[in-house]
Amino acid sequence: AVFARLESLGYGGWVGCEYRPAGGTR
């Protein structure tokens, strides 16, 4: 839902994935 609102607002930047994986990243 957040991504959908970003897109509807016209966001053209990056979304940084700054999270700690619960297991292996991939």
PDB file of all heavy atoms in Angstrom:
ATOM      1  N   ALA A   1       0.827  -1.208   0.000  1.00  0.00           N
ATOM      2  CA  ALA A   1       0.000   0.000   0.000  1.00  0.00           C
ATOM      3  C   ALA A   1       0.861   1.258   0.000  1.00  0.00           C
ATOM      4  O   ALA A   1       0.538   2.251  -0.678  1.00  0.00           O
ATOM      5  CB  ALA A   1      -0.922   0.000   1.220  1.00  0.00           C
ATOM      6  N   VAL A   2       1.961   1.231   0.747  1.00  0.00           N
ATOM      7  CA  VAL A   2       2.861   2.384   0.765  1.00  0.00           C
ATOM      8  C   VAL A   2       3.493   2.578  -0.609  1.00  0.00           C
ATOM      9  O   VAL A   2       3.572   3.703  -1.125  1.00  0.00           O
ATOM     10  CB  VAL A   2       3.944   2.198   1.845  1.00  0.00           C
ATOM     11  CG1 VAL A   2       4.927   3.370   1.817  1.00  0.00           C
ATOM     12  CG2 VAL A   2       3.315   2.075   3.228  1.00  0.00           C
ATOM     13  N   PHE A   3       3.938   1.490  -1.227  1.00  0.00           N
ATOM     14  CA  PHE A   3       4.536   1.596  -2.549  1.00  0.00           C
ATOM     15  C   PHE A   3       3.528   2.114  -3.571  1.00  0.00           C
ATOM     16  O   PHE A   3       3.877   2.910  -4.451  1.00  0.00           O
ATOM     17  CB  PHE A   3       5.063   0.227  -2.996  1.00  0.00           C
ATOM     18  CG  PHE A   3       6.303  -0.239  -2.270  1.00  0.00           C
ATOM     19  CD1 PHE A   3       6.716  -1.552  -2.372  1.00  0.00           C
ATOM     20  CD2 PHE A   3       7.061   0.631  -1.503  1.00  0.00           C
ATOM     21  CE1 PHE A   3       7.865  -1.998  -1.739  1.00  0.00           C
ATOM     22  CE2 PHE A   3       8.202   0.211  -0.847  1.00  0.00           C
ATOM     23  CZ  PHE A   3       8.603  -1.110  -0.964  1.00  0.00           C
ATOM     24  N   ALA A   4       2.284   1.644  -3.463  1.00  0.00           N
ATOM     25  CA  ALA A   4       1.258   2.117  -4.398  1.00  0.00           C
ATOM     26  C   ALA A   4       1.051   3.618  -4.261  1.00  0.00           C
ATOM     27  O   ALA A   4       0.886   4.331  -5.264  1.00  0.00           O
ATOM     28  CB  ALA A   4      -0.049   1.366  -4.154  1.00  0.00           C
ATOM     29  N   ARG A   5       1.088   4.114  -3.017  1.00  0.00           N
ATOM     30  CA  ARG A   5       0.911   5.565  -2.822  1.00  0.00           C
ATOM     31  C   ARG A   5       2.130   6.326  -3.320  1.00  0.00           C
ATOM     32  O   ARG A   5       1.983   7.405  -3.925  1.00  0.00           O
ATOM     33  CB  ARG A   5       0.669   5.873  -1.336  1.00  0.00           C
ATOM     34  CG  ARG A   5       0.235   7.319  -1.093  1.00  0.00           C
ATOM     35  CD  ARG A   5      -1.127   7.585  -1.695  1.00  0.00           C
ATOM     36  NE  ARG A   5      -1.543   8.976  -1.586  1.00  0.00           N
ATOM     37  CZ  ARG A   5      -1.718   9.780  -2.625  1.00  0.00           C
ATOM     38  NH1 ARG A   5      -1.506   9.337  -3.863  1.00  0.00           N
ATOM     39  NH2 ARG A   5      -2.105  11.030  -2.452  1.00  0.00           N
ATOM     40  N   LEU A   6       3.326   5.792  -3.105  1.00  0.00           N
ATOM     41  CA  LEU A   6       4.524   6.427  -3.656  1.00  0.00           C
ATOM     42  C   LEU A   6       4.415   6.567  -5.171  1.00  0.00           C
ATOM     43  O   LEU A   6       4.703   7.635  -5.736  1.00  0.00           O
ATOM     44  CB  LEU A   6       5.754   5.596  -3.313  1.00  0.00           C
ATOM     45  CG  LEU A   6       6.499   5.870  -2.017  1.00  0.00           C
ATOM     46  CD1 LEU A   6       7.580   4.814  -1.808  1.00  0.00           C
ATOM     47  CD2 LEU A   6       7.108   7.262  -2.003  1.00  0.00           C
ATOM     48  N   GLU A   7       3.998   5.504  -5.812  1.00  0.00           N
ATOM     49  CA  GLU A   7       3.884   5.536  -7.266  1.00  0.00           C
ATOM     50  C   GLU A   7       2.819   6.517  -7.717  1.00  0.00           C
ATOM     51  O   GLU A   7       3.010   7.248  -8.695  1.00  0.00           O
ATOM     52  CB  GLU A   7       3.581   4.132  -7.788  1.00  0.00           C
ATOM     53  CG  GLU A   7       4.761   3.181  -7.684  1.00  0.00           C
ATOM     54  CD  GLU A   7       4.510   1.864  -8.392  1.00  0.00           C
ATOM     55  OE1 GLU A   7       3.541   1.172  -8.022  1.00  0.00           O
ATOM     56  OE2 GLU A   7       5.278   1.533  -9.312  1.00  0.00           O
ATOM     57  N   SER A   8       1.689   6.544  -7.018  1.00  0.00           N
ATOM     58  CA  SER A   8       0.614   7.451  -7.419  1.00  0.00           C
ATOM     59  C   SER A   8       1.002   8.918  -7.228  1.00  0.00           C
ATOM     60  O   SER A   8       0.518   9.797  -7.944  1.00  0.00           O
ATOM     61  CB  SER A   8      -0.670   7.144  -6.641  1.00  0.00           C
ATOM     62  OG  SER A   8      -0.544   7.500  -5.274  1.00  0.00           O
ATOM     63  N   LEU A   9       1.903   9.181  -6.276  1.00  0.00           N
ATOM     64  CA  LEU A   9       2.402  10.542  -6.065  1.00  0.00           C
ATOM     65  C   LEU A   9       3.466  10.934  -7.081  1.00  0.00           C
ATOM     66  O   LEU A   9       3.841  12.098  -7.175  1.00  0.00           O
ATOM     67  CB  LEU A   9       2.965  10.675  -4.650  1.00  0.00           C
ATOM     68  CG  LEU A   9       1.947  10.685  -3.512  1.00  0.00           C
ATOM     69  CD1 LEU A   9       2.638  10.509  -2.168  1.00  0.00           C
ATOM     70  CD2 LEU A   9       1.124  11.974  -3.525  1.00  0.00           C
ATOM     71  N   GLY A  10       3.971   9.945  -7.815  1.00  0.00           N
ATOM     72  CA  GLY A  10       4.970  10.229  -8.828  1.00  0.00           C
ATOM     73  C   GLY A  10       6.399  10.150  -8.344  1.00  0.00           C
ATOM     74  O   GLY A  10       7.294  10.762  -8.943  1.00  0.00           O
ATOM     75  N   TYR A  11       6.636   9.371  -7.289  1.00  0.00           N
ATOM     76  CA  TYR A  11       7.997   9.255  -6.777  1.00  0.00           C
ATOM     77  C   TYR A  11       8.893   8.568  -7.794  1.00  0.00           C
ATOM     78  O   TYR A  11       8.604   7.465  -8.261  1.00  0.00           O
ATOM     79  CB  TYR A  11       7.994   8.456  -5.472  1.00  0.00           C
ATOM     80  CG  TYR A  11       9.360   8.304  -4.840  1.00  0.00           C
ATOM     81  CD1 TYR A  11      10.034   9.410  -4.319  1.00  0.00           C
ATOM     82  CD2 TYR A  11       9.972   7.055  -4.755  1.00  0.00           C
ATOM     83  CE1 TYR A  11      11.272   9.274  -3.727  1.00  0.00           C
ATOM     84  CE2 TYR A  11      11.218   6.912  -4.158  1.00  0.00           C
ATOM     85  CZ  TYR A  11      11.871   8.022  -3.652  1.00  0.00           C
ATOM     86  OH  TYR A  11      13.108   7.883  -3.068  1.00  0.00           O
ATOM     87  N   GLY A  12      10.000   9.204  -8.142  1.00  0.00           N
ATOM     88  CA  GLY A  12      10.916   8.647  -9.118  1.00  0.00           C
ATOM     89  C   GLY A  12      12.257   8.265  -8.549  1.00  0.00           C
ATOM     90  O   GLY A  12      13.174   7.909  -9.295  1.00  0.00           O
ATOM     91  N   GLY A  13      12.403   8.346  -7.218  1.00  0.00           N
ATOM     92  CA  GLY A  13      13.673   8.043  -6.580  1.00  0.00           C
ATOM     93  C   GLY A  13      13.819   6.571  -6.237  1.00  0.00           C
ATOM     94  O   GLY A  13      13.065   5.714  -6.690  1.00  0.00           O
ATOM     95  N   TRP A  14      14.806   6.304  -5.402  1.00  0.00           N
ATOM     96  CA  TRP A  14      15.105   4.944  -4.985  1.00  0.00           C
ATOM     97  C   TRP A  14      14.462   4.631  -3.651  1.00  0.00           C
ATOM     98  O   TRP A  14      14.217   5.532  -2.840  1.00  0.00           O
ATOM     99  CB  TRP A  14      16.613   4.746  -4.871  1.00  0.00           C
ATOM    100  CG  TRP A  14      17.337   4.794  -6.180  1.00  0.00           C
ATOM    101  CD1 TRP A  14      17.845   5.906  -6.800  1.00  0.00           C
ATOM    102  CD2 TRP A  14      17.615   3.691  -7.042  1.00  0.00           C
ATOM    103  NE1 TRP A  14      18.419   5.551  -7.990  1.00  0.00           N
ATOM    104  CE2 TRP A  14      18.310   4.203  -8.167  1.00  0.00           C
ATOM    105  CE3 TRP A  14      17.361   2.323  -6.969  1.00  0.00           C
ATOM    106  CZ2 TRP A  14      18.741   3.398  -9.208  1.00  0.00           C
ATOM    107  CZ3 TRP A  14      17.798   1.503  -8.003  1.00  0.00           C
ATOM    108  CH2 TRP A  14      18.476   2.039  -9.116  1.00  0.00           C
ATOM    109  N   VAL A  15      14.226   3.350  -3.417  1.00  0.00           N
ATOM    110  CA  VAL A  15      13.772   2.852  -2.126  1.00  0.00           C
ATOM    111  C   VAL A  15      14.871   1.947  -1.589  1.00  0.00           C
ATOM    112  O   VAL A  15      15.142   0.874  -2.144  1.00  0.00           O
ATOM    113  CB  VAL A  15      12.445   2.074  -2.254  1.00  0.00           C
ATOM    114  CG1 VAL A  15      12.066   1.450  -0.910  1.00  0.00           C
ATOM    115  CG2 VAL A  15      11.331   2.999  -2.746  1.00  0.00           C
ATOM    116  N   GLY A  16      15.539   2.390  -0.535  1.00  0.00           N
ATOM    117  CA  GLY A  16      16.642   1.639   0.032  1.00  0.00           C
ATOM    118  C   GLY A  16      16.154   0.537   0.958  1.00  0.00           C
ATOM    119  O   GLY A  16      15.342   0.786   1.858  1.00  0.00           O
ATOM    120  N   CYS A  17      16.648  -0.668   0.737  1.00  0.00           N
ATOM    121  CA  CYS A  17      16.269  -1.828   1.556  1.00  0.00           C
ATOM    122  C   CYS A  17      17.285  -1.946   2.692  1.00  0.00           C
ATOM    123  O   CYS A  17      18.330  -2.591   2.545  1.00  0.00           O
ATOM    124  CB  CYS A  17      16.238  -3.083   0.701  1.00  0.00           C
ATOM    125  SG  CYS A  17      15.044  -2.976  -0.664  1.00  0.00           S
ATOM    126  N   GLU A  18      16.970  -1.313   3.804  1.00  0.00           N
ATOM    127  CA  GLU A  18      17.882  -1.253   4.940  1.00  0.00           C
ATOM    128  C   GLU A  18      17.321  -2.125   6.070  1.00  0.00           C
ATOM    129  O   GLU A  18      16.954  -1.630   7.137  1.00  0.00           O
ATOM    130  CB  GLU A  18      18.082   0.192   5.415  1.00  0.00           C
ATOM    131  CG  GLU A  18      19.254   0.344   6.368  1.00  0.00           C
ATOM    132  CD  GLU A  18      19.430   1.763   6.886  1.00  0.00           C
ATOM    133  OE1 GLU A  18      18.415   2.481   7.034  1.00  0.00           O
ATOM    134  OE2 GLU A  18      20.577   2.149   7.149  1.00  0.00           O
ATOM    135  N   TYR A  19      17.247  -3.404   5.811  1.00  0.00           N
ATOM    136  CA  TYR A  19      16.720  -4.327   6.811  1.00  0.00           C
ATOM    137  C   TYR A  19      17.713  -5.453   7.057  1.00  0.00           C
ATOM    138  O   TYR A  19      18.605  -5.712   6.238  1.00  0.00           O
ATOM    139  CB  TYR A  19      15.363  -4.885   6.375  1.00  0.00           C
ATOM    140  CG  TYR A  19      15.379  -5.739   5.127  1.00  0.00           C
ATOM    141  CD1 TYR A  19      15.687  -7.108   5.181  1.00  0.00           C
ATOM    142  CD2 TYR A  19      15.067  -5.200   3.880  1.00  0.00           C
ATOM    143  CE1 TYR A  19      15.688  -7.899   4.042  1.00  0.00           C
ATOM    144  CE2 TYR A  19      15.070  -5.985   2.730  1.00  0.00           C
ATOM    145  CZ  TYR A  19      15.383  -7.329   2.818  1.00  0.00           C
ATOM    146  OH  TYR A  19      15.395  -8.115   1.688  1.00  0.00           O
ATOM    147  N   ARG A  20      17.558  -6.102   8.205  1.00  0.00           N
ATOM    148  CA  ARG A  20      18.416  -7.235   8.563  1.00  0.00           C
ATOM    149  C   ARG A  20      17.691  -8.526   8.197  1.00  0.00           C
ATOM    150  O   ARG A  20      16.657  -8.842   8.792  1.00  0.00           O
ATOM    151  CB  ARG A  20      18.742  -7.207  10.057  1.00  0.00           C
ATOM    152  CG  ARG A  20      19.575  -6.014  10.491  1.00  0.00           C
ATOM    153  CD  ARG A  20      19.968  -6.141  11.959  1.00  0.00           C
ATOM    154  NE  ARG A  20      18.812  -6.029  12.832  1.00  0.00           N
ATOM    155  CZ  ARG A  20      18.416  -4.896  13.417  1.00  0.00           C
ATOM    156  NH1 ARG A  20      19.082  -3.777  13.211  1.00  0.00           N
ATOM    157  NH2 ARG A  20      17.359  -4.885  14.203  1.00  0.00           N
ATOM    158  N   PRO A  21      18.193  -9.283   7.241  1.00  0.00           N
ATOM    159  CA  PRO A  21      17.503 -10.518   6.853  1.00  0.00           C
ATOM    160  C   PRO A  21      17.343 -11.470   8.027  1.00  0.00           C
ATOM    161  O   PRO A  21      18.256 -11.619   8.851  1.00  0.00           O
ATOM    162  CB  PRO A  21      18.425 -11.112   5.782  1.00  0.00           C
ATOM    163  CG  PRO A  21      19.195  -9.945   5.258  1.00  0.00           C
ATOM    164  CD  PRO A  21      19.386  -9.034   6.423  1.00  0.00           C
ATOM    165  N   ALA A  22      16.183 -12.100   8.100  1.00  0.00           N
ATOM    166  CA  ALA A  22      15.939 -13.067   9.172  1.00  0.00           C
ATOM    167  C   ALA A  22      16.753 -14.335   8.969  1.00  0.00           C
ATOM    168  O   ALA A  22      17.059 -15.050   9.927  1.00  0.00           O
ATOM    169  CB  ALA A  22      14.448 -13.407   9.247  1.00  0.00           C
ATOM    170  N   GLY A  23      17.117 -14.614   7.700  1.00  0.00           N
ATOM    171  CA  GLY A  23      17.965 -15.760   7.375  1.00  0.00           C
ATOM    172  C   GLY A  23      18.961 -15.325   6.325  1.00  0.00           C
ATOM    173  O   GLY A  23      19.548 -14.253   6.419  1.00  0.00           O
ATOM    174  N   GLY A  24      19.151 -16.134   5.283  1.00  0.00           N
ATOM    175  CA  GLY A  24      20.009 -15.719   4.187  1.00  0.00           C
ATOM    176  C   GLY A  24      19.353 -14.605   3.382  1.00  0.00           C
ATOM    177  O   GLY A  24      18.132 -14.581   3.194  1.00  0.00           O
ATOM    178  N   THR A  25      20.160 -13.668   2.904  1.00  0.00           N
ATOM    179  CA  THR A  25      19.605 -12.531   2.169  1.00  0.00           C
ATOM    180  C   THR A  25      18.785 -12.978   0.971  1.00  0.00           C
ATOM    181  O   THR A  25      17.628 -12.564   0.793  1.00  0.00           O
ATOM    182  CB  THR A  25      20.733 -11.604   1.689  1.00  0.00           C
ATOM    183  OG1 THR A  25      21.486 -11.153   2.809  1.00  0.00           O
ATOM    184  CG2 THR A  25      20.155 -10.401   0.961  1.00  0.00           C
ATOM    185  N   ARG A  26      19.369 -13.828   0.135  1.00  0.00           N
ATOM    186  CA  ARG A  26      18.716 -14.211  -1.117  1.00  0.00           C
ATOM    187  C   ARG A  26      17.448 -15.018  -0.864  1.00  0.00           C
ATOM    188  O   ARG A  26      16.448 -14.864  -1.562  1.00  0.00           O
ATOM    189  CB  ARG A  26      19.715 -15.006  -1.966  1.00  0.00           C
ATOM    190  CG  ARG A  26      19.287 -15.271  -3.395  1.00  0.00           C
ATOM    191  CD  ARG A  26      19.224 -13.996  -4.237  1.00  0.00           C
ATOM    192  NE  ARG A  26      18.881 -14.314  -5.604  1.00  0.00           N
ATOM    193  CZ  ARG A  26      19.768 -14.505  -6.576  1.00  0.00           C
ATOM    194  NH1 ARG A  26      21.063 -14.406  -6.331  1.00  0.00           N
ATOM    195  NH2 ARG A  26      19.367 -14.777  -7.798  1.00  0.00           N
TER     196      ARG A  26
END
